[in-house]
C-alpha atoms as a PDB file:
ATOM      1  CA  LEU A   1     -18.610   6.104 -15.322  1.00  0.00           C
ATOM      2  CA  ASP A   2     -20.238   6.590 -11.852  1.00  0.00           C
ATOM      3  CA  ASP A   3     -18.825   3.243 -10.182  1.00  0.00           C
ATOM      4  CA  LEU A   4     -15.155   3.979 -12.086  1.00  0.00           C
ATOM      5  CA  THR A   5     -12.492   4.801  -9.007  1.00  0.00           C
ATOM      6  CA  ALA A   6      -8.549   6.371 -10.276  1.00  0.00           C
ATOM      7  CA  LEU A   7      -6.823   7.233  -7.560  1.00  0.00           C
ATOM      8  CA  ALA A   8      -3.132   6.334  -5.879  1.00  0.00           C
ATOM      9  CA  VAL A   9      -1.323   4.550  -4.656  1.00  0.00           C
ATOM     10  CA  LEU A  10       1.857   6.347  -3.161  1.00  0.00           C
ATOM     11  CA  PRO A  11       3.705   2.968  -1.104  1.00  0.00           C
ATOM     12  CA  SER A  12       6.637   3.303   1.414  1.00  0.00           C
ATOM     13  CA  MET A  13       9.424   0.990  -0.174  1.00  0.00           C
ATOM     14  CA  ILE A  14       7.805  -2.227  -1.143  1.00  0.00           C
ATOM     15  CA  ASP A  15       9.458  -5.536   0.026  1.00  0.00           C
ATOM     16  CA  THR A  16      10.037  -7.674  -3.001  1.00  0.00           C
ATOM     17  CA  PRO A  17      12.881  -9.788  -4.197  1.00  0.00           C
ATOM     18  CA  ASN A  18      14.510  -7.160  -6.398  1.00  0.00           C
ATOM     19  CA  ASN A  19      14.034  -4.716  -3.470  1.00  0.00           C
ATOM     20  CA  ARG A  20      15.999  -6.330  -1.408  1.00  0.00           C
ATOM     21  CA  ARG A  21      18.552  -7.530  -3.622  1.00  0.00           C
ATOM     22  CA  PHE A  22      19.101  -4.163  -4.581  1.00  0.00           C
ATOM     23  CA  ALA A  23      18.912  -2.611  -1.048  1.00  0.00           C
ATOM     24  CA  GLU A  24      21.600  -0.626   0.579  1.00  0.00           C
ATOM     25  CA  PRO A  25      23.967  -3.260   3.454  1.00  0.00           C
ATOM     26  CA  GLY A  26      22.185  -3.020   6.592  1.00  0.00           C
ATOM     27  CA  ALA A  27      18.533  -2.602   5.507  1.00  0.00           C
ATOM     28  CA  ASP A  28      15.896  -3.798   7.438  1.00  0.00           C
ATOM     29  CA  PHE A  29      13.587  -5.214   5.350  1.00  0.00           C
ATOM     30  CA  ASP A  30      10.654  -5.619   8.362  1.00  0.00           C
ATOM     31  CA  THR A  31       9.839  -2.063   8.002  1.00  0.00           C
ATOM     32  CA  TRP A  32       8.594  -2.366   4.583  1.00  0.00           C
ATOM     33  CA  THR A  33       5.542  -1.947   3.200  1.00  0.00           C
ATOM     34  CA  LYS A  34       5.083  -6.095   2.133  1.00  0.00           C
ATOM     35  CA  PRO A  35       2.922  -6.329  -1.436  1.00  0.00           C
ATOM     36  CA  ASP A  36       0.364  -8.654   0.330  1.00  0.00           C
ATOM     37  CA  ALA A  37      -0.943  -5.810   2.444  1.00  0.00           C
ATOM     38  CA  ILE A  38      -1.787  -3.295  -0.213  1.00  0.00           C
ATOM     39  CA  ALA A  39      -3.086  -6.483  -1.904  1.00  0.00           C
ATOM     40  CA  LYS A  40      -5.543  -7.263   1.212  1.00  0.00           C
ATOM     41  CA  GLU A  41      -6.659  -3.725   1.325  1.00  0.00           C
ATOM     42  CA  ILE A  42      -6.995  -3.249  -2.335  1.00  0.00           C
ATOM     43  CA  GLY A  43      -8.725  -6.467  -2.277  1.00  0.00           C
ATOM     44  CA  ALA A  44     -11.236  -4.774   0.608  1.00  0.00           C
ATOM     45  CA  TRP A  45     -12.072  -1.542  -1.959  1.00  0.00           C
ATOM     46  CA  LEU A  46     -13.017  -4.007  -4.446  1.00  0.00           C
ATOM     47  CA  ALA A  47     -15.699  -5.976  -1.931  1.00  0.00           C
ATOM     48  CA  LYS A  48     -17.257  -3.340  -0.316  1.00  0.00           C
ATOM     49  CA  PRO A  49     -17.105   0.192  -2.839  1.00  0.00           C
ATOM     50  CA  TYR A  50     -18.156   1.897  -0.015  1.00  0.00           C
ATOM     51  CA  LEU A  51     -14.341   1.154   1.566  1.00  0.00           C
ATOM     52  CA  ARG A  52     -12.763   2.295  -1.874  1.00  0.00           C
ATOM     53  CA  PRO A  53     -10.978   6.132  -1.194  1.00  0.00           C
ATOM     54  CA  ASN A  54     -12.458   9.493  -3.402  1.00  0.00           C
ATOM     55  CA  SER A  55     -11.810   9.318  -6.667  1.00  0.00           C
ATOM     56  CA  GLY A  56      -8.828  11.664  -7.379  1.00  0.00           C
ATOM     57  CA  ALA A  57      -7.426  10.649  -3.815  1.00  0.00           C
ATOM     58  CA  LEU A  58      -3.869   9.857  -2.752  1.00  0.00           C
ATOM     59  CA  ILE A  59      -3.183   6.976  -1.101  1.00  0.00           C
ATOM     60  CA  LYS A  60       0.182   7.112   0.979  1.00  0.00           C
ATOM     61  CA  VAL A  61       1.285   3.757   2.514  1.00  0.00           C
ATOM     62  CA  GLN A  62       3.677   2.403   5.464  1.00  0.00           C
ATOM     63  CA  SER A  63       4.282  -0.969   6.888  1.00  0.00           C
ATOM     64  CA  GLY A  64       2.191  -1.044  10.040  1.00  0.00           C
ATOM     65  CA  LYS A  65       3.168  -2.414  13.393  1.00  0.00           C
ATOM     66  CA  LYS A  66       3.624  -5.594  12.612  1.00  0.00           C
ATOM     67  CA  GLY A  67       5.327  -5.780   9.289  1.00  0.00           C
ATOM     68  CA  SER A  68       3.123  -7.517   8.009  1.00  0.00           C
ATOM     69  CA  ASP A  69       0.182  -4.923   7.699  1.00  0.00           C
ATOM     70  CA  ALA A  70       0.418  -2.136   6.086  1.00  0.00           C
ATOM     71  CA  VAL A  71      -0.876   2.048   7.638  1.00  0.00           C
ATOM     72  CA  PHE A  72      -2.910   3.406   4.606  1.00  0.00           C
ATOM     73  CA  ASN A  73      -3.223   7.441   5.294  1.00  0.00           C
ATOM     74  CA  LEU A  74      -5.179   9.803   2.551  1.00  0.00           C
ATOM     75  CA  VAL A  75      -2.950  12.865   1.562  1.00  0.00           C
ATOM     76  CA  ARG A  76      -4.912  14.361  -0.767  1.00  0.00           C
END
């Protein structure tokens, strides 16, 4: 069990086709978090376990300045 990590990723609005479909008129999709950015960070955690947050962590995810990246912040 020492190799297991349980944590929660708390994204802001994720830019998916379904979310766009139900978005409010005039929504700015450039401010939404891209799924690829979330997957890239989780992939890095899998490839390099020392980058992984501690078990039990809550990770807030927001869109980065470029729109295609994401910012991960430890909130607990």
